[in-house]
Amino acid sequence: MEIEDYIASYNRVRQQQVKEQILWQHAMIGLLDEKLIARFCDHKMEFTKPWDRYPELFVEEKRLYKQQAEAEKALSMGESRRAYAAEFNRRRR
């Protein structure tokens, strides 16, 4: 049992190290900061995420990213609807 615990612990630590290395590489070449790169480009660029290349390592990060993207989308939709209603009401008066 103790040996299995050591092996499981080693695997967790090694997996975390691999994740950190991959994220560091992506950060160094600028793939994680799309908005920064997009400022310097005229056209829309598609960027790969770490979970596109290593899906088994970044399951939790992908889920969190999707949750955050949905929350931002819902927030922007609400803001645009409020702006539309305000403009509609302004024109109506």
N, C-alpha and C. Protein backbone atom coordinates (compact mmCIF):
# COMPACT_ATOMS: atom_id res chain seq x y z
N MET A 1 0.82 -1.20 0.00
CA MET A 1 0.00 0.00 0.00
C MET A 1 0.86 1.26 0.00
N GLU A 2 1.92 1.23 0.78
CA GLU A 2 2.77 2.41 0.88
C GLU A 2 3.48 2.68 -0.44
N ILE A 3 3.89 1.63 -1.11
CA ILE A 3 4.56 1.78 -2.42
C ILE A 3 3.59 2.36 -3.44
N GLU A 4 2.35 1.90 -3.41
CA GLU A 4 1.34 2.44 -4.33
C GLU A 4 1.10 3.92 -4.07
N ASP A 5 1.12 4.32 -2.81
CA ASP A 5 0.98 5.74 -2.47
C ASP A 5 2.14 6.56 -3.01
N TYR A 6 3.35 6.04 -2.88
CA TYR A 6 4.53 6.72 -3.42
C TYR A 6 4.43 6.87 -4.93
N ILE A 7 4.03 5.81 -5.59
CA ILE A 7 3.89 5.84 -7.06
C ILE A 7 2.82 6.84 -7.47
N ALA A 8 1.68 6.82 -6.79
CA ALA A 8 0.61 7.77 -7.12
C ALA A 8 1.05 9.21 -6.88
N SER A 9 1.77 9.42 -5.80
CA SER A 9 2.28 10.75 -5.49
C SER A 9 3.28 11.21 -6.55
N TYR A 10 4.16 10.33 -6.95
CA TYR A 10 5.14 10.66 -7.99
C TYR A 10 4.43 11.01 -9.30
N ASN A 11 3.42 10.23 -9.65
CA ASN A 11 2.68 10.48 -10.89
C ASN A 11 1.97 11.83 -10.85
N ARG A 12 1.40 12.19 -9.71
CA ARG A 12 0.74 13.50 -9.59
C ARG A 12 1.74 14.64 -9.73
N VAL A 13 2.88 14.49 -9.07
CA VAL A 13 3.91 15.53 -9.14
C VAL A 13 4.44 15.64 -10.56
N ARG A 14 4.71 14.54 -11.20
CA ARG A 14 5.24 14.54 -12.57
C ARG A 14 4.22 15.14 -13.54
N GLN A 15 2.94 14.80 -13.37
CA GLN A 15 1.91 15.35 -14.24
C GLN A 15 1.84 16.88 -14.07
N GLN A 16 1.96 17.36 -12.86
CA GLN A 16 1.95 18.80 -12.61
C GLN A 16 3.16 19.46 -13.24
N GLN A 17 4.32 18.82 -13.17
CA GLN A 17 5.52 19.36 -13.79
C GLN A 17 5.38 19.45 -15.31
N VAL A 18 4.81 18.42 -15.91
CA VAL A 18 4.60 18.42 -17.35
C VAL A 18 3.64 19.53 -17.75
N LYS A 19 2.56 19.68 -16.99
CA LYS A 19 1.61 20.76 -17.26
C LYS A 19 2.29 22.12 -17.20
N GLU A 20 3.09 22.34 -16.18
CA GLU A 20 3.78 23.62 -16.03
C GLU A 20 4.73 23.87 -17.20
N GLN A 21 5.44 22.83 -17.64
CA GLN A 21 6.35 22.98 -18.77
C GLN A 21 5.58 23.35 -20.05
N ILE A 22 4.47 22.69 -20.28
CA ILE A 22 3.67 22.96 -21.48
C ILE A 22 3.11 24.37 -21.43
N LEU A 23 2.57 24.77 -20.29
CA LEU A 23 2.02 26.12 -20.17
C LEU A 23 3.11 27.17 -20.32
N TRP A 24 4.28 26.90 -19.78
CA TRP A 24 5.40 27.84 -19.92
C TRP A 24 5.79 27.99 -21.39
N GLN A 25 5.85 26.88 -22.11
CA GLN A 25 6.19 26.94 -23.53
C GLN A 25 5.15 27.74 -24.31
N HIS A 26 3.87 27.50 -24.01
CA HIS A 26 2.81 28.24 -24.70
C HIS A 26 2.88 29.73 -24.36
N ALA A 27 3.16 30.03 -23.12
CA ALA A 27 3.25 31.43 -22.71
C ALA A 27 4.43 32.11 -23.37
N MET A 28 5.53 31.40 -23.51
CA MET A 28 6.72 31.99 -24.11
C MET A 28 6.50 32.34 -25.57
N ILE A 29 5.73 31.57 -26.29
CA ILE A 29 5.51 31.88 -27.70
C ILE A 29 4.22 32.67 -27.90
N GLY A 30 3.58 33.01 -26.83
CA GLY A 30 2.44 33.91 -26.90
C GLY A 30 1.12 33.30 -27.27
N LEU A 31 0.98 32.01 -27.19
CA LEU A 31 -0.28 31.39 -27.60
C LEU A 31 -1.38 31.53 -26.56
N LEU A 32 -1.04 31.82 -25.32
CA LEU A 32 -2.07 31.95 -24.30
C LEU A 32 -2.68 33.35 -24.26
N ASP A 33 -1.93 34.34 -24.75
CA ASP A 33 -2.43 35.71 -24.70
C ASP A 33 -2.87 36.14 -26.09
N GLU A 34 -4.03 35.67 -26.52
CA GLU A 34 -4.55 35.96 -27.85
C GLU A 34 -4.75 37.44 -28.08
N LYS A 35 -5.25 38.13 -27.08
CA LYS A 35 -5.57 39.54 -27.24
C LYS A 35 -4.33 40.38 -27.50
N LEU A 36 -3.23 40.02 -26.87
CA LEU A 36 -1.99 40.76 -27.08
C LEU A 36 -1.50 40.59 -28.51
N ILE A 37 -1.53 39.38 -29.02
CA ILE A 37 -1.07 39.13 -30.38
C ILE A 37 -2.05 39.73 -31.38
N ALA A 38 -3.34 39.65 -31.09
CA ALA A 38 -4.35 40.16 -32.01
C ALA A 38 -4.23 41.67 -32.20
N ARG A 39 -3.67 42.37 -31.23
CA ARG A 39 -3.48 43.81 -31.37
C ARG A 39 -2.55 44.14 -32.53
N PHE A 40 -1.60 43.28 -32.77
CA PHE A 40 -0.60 43.53 -33.80
C PHE A 40 -0.97 42.95 -35.16
N CYS A 41 -2.08 42.26 -35.23
CA CYS A 41 -2.49 41.63 -36.49
C CYS A 41 -3.78 42.26 -36.98
N ASP A 42 -3.92 42.34 -38.29
CA ASP A 42 -5.12 42.93 -38.87
C ASP A 42 -6.26 41.92 -39.00
N HIS A 43 -5.94 40.68 -39.13
CA HIS A 43 -6.98 39.67 -39.35
C HIS A 43 -7.13 38.78 -38.12
N LYS A 44 -8.25 38.07 -38.10
CA LYS A 44 -8.56 37.17 -37.00
C LYS A 44 -7.66 35.96 -37.07
N MET A 45 -7.03 35.64 -35.96
CA MET A 45 -6.15 34.48 -35.92
C MET A 45 -6.73 33.44 -34.97
N GLU A 46 -6.58 32.20 -35.34
CA GLU A 46 -7.02 31.10 -34.48
C GLU A 46 -5.80 30.58 -33.71
N PHE A 47 -5.94 30.48 -32.41
CA PHE A 47 -4.86 30.01 -31.56
C PHE A 47 -5.23 28.67 -30.96
N THR A 48 -4.25 27.82 -30.82
CA THR A 48 -4.50 26.54 -30.17
C THR A 48 -4.35 26.71 -28.67
N LYS A 49 -5.12 25.98 -27.96
CA LYS A 49 -5.05 25.94 -26.51
C LYS A 49 -4.27 24.69 -26.11
N PRO A 50 -3.72 24.68 -24.91
CA PRO A 50 -2.95 23.48 -24.49
C PRO A 50 -3.78 22.20 -24.52
N TRP A 51 -5.08 22.30 -24.24
CA TRP A 51 -5.91 21.09 -24.21
C TRP A 51 -6.23 20.59 -25.61
N ASP A 52 -5.98 21.39 -26.64
CA ASP A 52 -6.15 20.88 -28.01
C ASP A 52 -5.05 19.89 -28.35
N ARG A 53 -3.87 20.12 -27.82
CA ARG A 53 -2.74 19.23 -28.10
C ARG A 53 -2.59 18.13 -27.06
N TYR A 54 -2.96 18.42 -25.82
CA TYR A 54 -2.81 17.46 -24.72
C TYR A 54 -4.13 17.35 -23.96
N PRO A 55 -5.15 16.73 -24.55
CA PRO A 55 -6.48 16.73 -23.92
C PRO A 55 -6.54 15.99 -22.59
N GLU A 56 -5.75 14.95 -22.41
CA GLU A 56 -5.82 14.19 -21.18
C GLU A 56 -5.19 14.92 -20.00
N LEU A 57 -4.31 15.88 -20.26
CA LEU A 57 -3.66 16.61 -19.18
C LEU A 57 -4.46 17.82 -18.71
N PHE A 58 -5.21 18.43 -19.61
CA PHE A 58 -5.85 19.71 -19.30
C PHE A 58 -7.38 19.63 -19.30
N VAL A 59 -7.92 18.60 -18.71
CA VAL A 59 -9.37 18.44 -18.65
C VAL A 59 -10.00 19.53 -17.78
N GLU A 60 -9.46 19.75 -16.61
CA GLU A 60 -10.01 20.74 -15.68
C GLU A 60 -9.85 22.15 -16.22
N GLU A 61 -8.71 22.46 -16.82
CA GLU A 61 -8.48 23.80 -17.36
C GLU A 61 -9.45 24.10 -18.50
N LYS A 62 -9.72 23.09 -19.33
CA LYS A 62 -10.67 23.27 -20.43
C LYS A 62 -12.07 23.57 -19.90
N ARG A 63 -12.47 22.84 -18.87
CA ARG A 63 -13.80 23.06 -18.28
C ARG A 63 -13.89 24.46 -17.69
N LEU A 64 -12.86 24.91 -16.98
CA LEU A 64 -12.87 26.25 -16.40
C LEU A 64 -12.87 27.33 -17.48
N TYR A 65 -12.13 27.11 -18.56
CA TYR A 65 -12.09 28.07 -19.66
C TYR A 65 -13.47 28.21 -20.31
N LYS A 66 -14.13 27.07 -20.53
CA LYS A 66 -15.47 27.11 -21.14
C LYS A 66 -16.46 27.80 -20.22
N GLN A 67 -16.39 27.55 -18.92
CA GLN A 67 -17.27 28.21 -17.96
C GLN A 67 -17.06 29.71 -17.99
N GLN A 68 -15.82 30.14 -18.00
CA GLN A 68 -15.52 31.57 -18.01
C GLN A 68 -15.98 32.21 -19.32
N ALA A 69 -15.79 31.52 -20.44
CA ALA A 69 -16.22 32.05 -21.73
C ALA A 69 -17.74 32.21 -21.78
N GLU A 70 -18.47 31.23 -21.24
CA GLU A 70 -19.93 31.32 -21.22
C GLU A 70 -20.40 32.47 -20.33
N ALA A 71 -19.74 32.66 -19.20
CA ALA A 71 -20.11 33.76 -18.31
C ALA A 71 -19.86 35.11 -18.98
N GLU A 72 -18.73 35.25 -19.66
CA GLU A 72 -18.44 36.50 -20.37
C GLU A 72 -19.44 36.74 -21.50
N LYS A 73 -19.81 35.68 -22.19
CA LYS A 73 -20.78 35.80 -23.28
C LYS A 73 -22.13 36.24 -22.75
N ALA A 74 -22.57 35.65 -21.65
CA ALA A 74 -23.85 36.02 -21.05
C ALA A 74 -23.82 37.48 -20.58
N LEU A 75 -22.71 37.90 -20.02
CA LEU A 75 -22.58 39.27 -19.56
C LEU A 75 -22.63 40.26 -20.73
N SER A 76 -21.93 39.95 -21.80
CA SER A 76 -21.93 40.86 -22.96
C SER A 76 -23.30 40.88 -23.64
N MET A 77 -23.99 39.75 -23.65
CA MET A 77 -25.33 39.71 -24.23
C MET A 77 -26.27 40.60 -23.43
N GLY A 78 -26.19 40.53 -22.11
CA GLY A 78 -27.02 41.36 -21.26
C GLY A 78 -26.74 42.84 -21.47
N GLU A 79 -25.46 43.18 -21.58
CA GLU A 79 -25.09 44.58 -21.80
C GLU A 79 -25.59 45.09 -23.15
N SER A 80 -25.48 44.26 -24.18
CA SER A 80 -25.94 44.69 -25.50
C SER A 80 -27.46 44.83 -25.54
N ARG A 81 -28.15 43.98 -24.83
CA ARG A 81 -29.61 44.11 -24.78
C ARG A 81 -30.04 45.37 -24.03
N ARG A 82 -29.34 45.69 -22.96
CA ARG A 82 -29.64 46.93 -22.24
C ARG A 82 -29.37 48.15 -23.12
N ALA A 83 -28.27 48.12 -23.86
CA ALA A 83 -27.95 49.24 -24.75
C ALA A 83 -29.00 49.37 -25.85
N TYR A 84 -29.45 48.25 -26.40
CA TYR A 84 -30.48 48.27 -27.43
C TYR A 84 -31.78 48.84 -26.86
N ALA A 85 -32.18 48.40 -25.67
CA ALA A 85 -33.41 48.90 -25.05
C ALA A 85 -33.30 50.39 -24.76
N ALA A 86 -32.15 50.84 -24.30
CA ALA A 86 -31.97 52.27 -24.02
C ALA A 86 -32.06 53.08 -25.30
N GLU A 87 -31.46 52.60 -26.37
CA GLU A 87 -31.53 53.32 -27.65
C GLU A 87 -32.95 53.32 -28.20
N PHE A 88 -33.65 52.21 -28.07
CA PHE A 88 -35.03 52.11 -28.53
C PHE A 88 -35.91 53.10 -27.76
N ASN A 89 -35.73 53.13 -26.45
CA ASN A 89 -36.52 54.05 -25.63
C ASN A 89 -36.17 55.52 -25.92
N ARG A 90 -34.92 55.79 -26.19
CA ARG A 90 -34.51 57.16 -26.51
C ARG A 90 -35.15 57.62 -27.82
N ARG A 91 -35.19 56.76 -28.81
CA ARG A 91 -35.80 57.11 -30.10
C ARG A 91 -37.31 57.24 -29.99
N ARG A 92 -37.89 56.47 -29.12
CA ARG A 92 -39.34 56.46 -28.98
C ARG A 92 -39.84 57.74 -28.32
N ARG A 93 -39.05 58.35 -27.49
CA ARG A 93 -39.48 59.54 -26.76
C ARG A 93 -39.37 60.76 -27.57
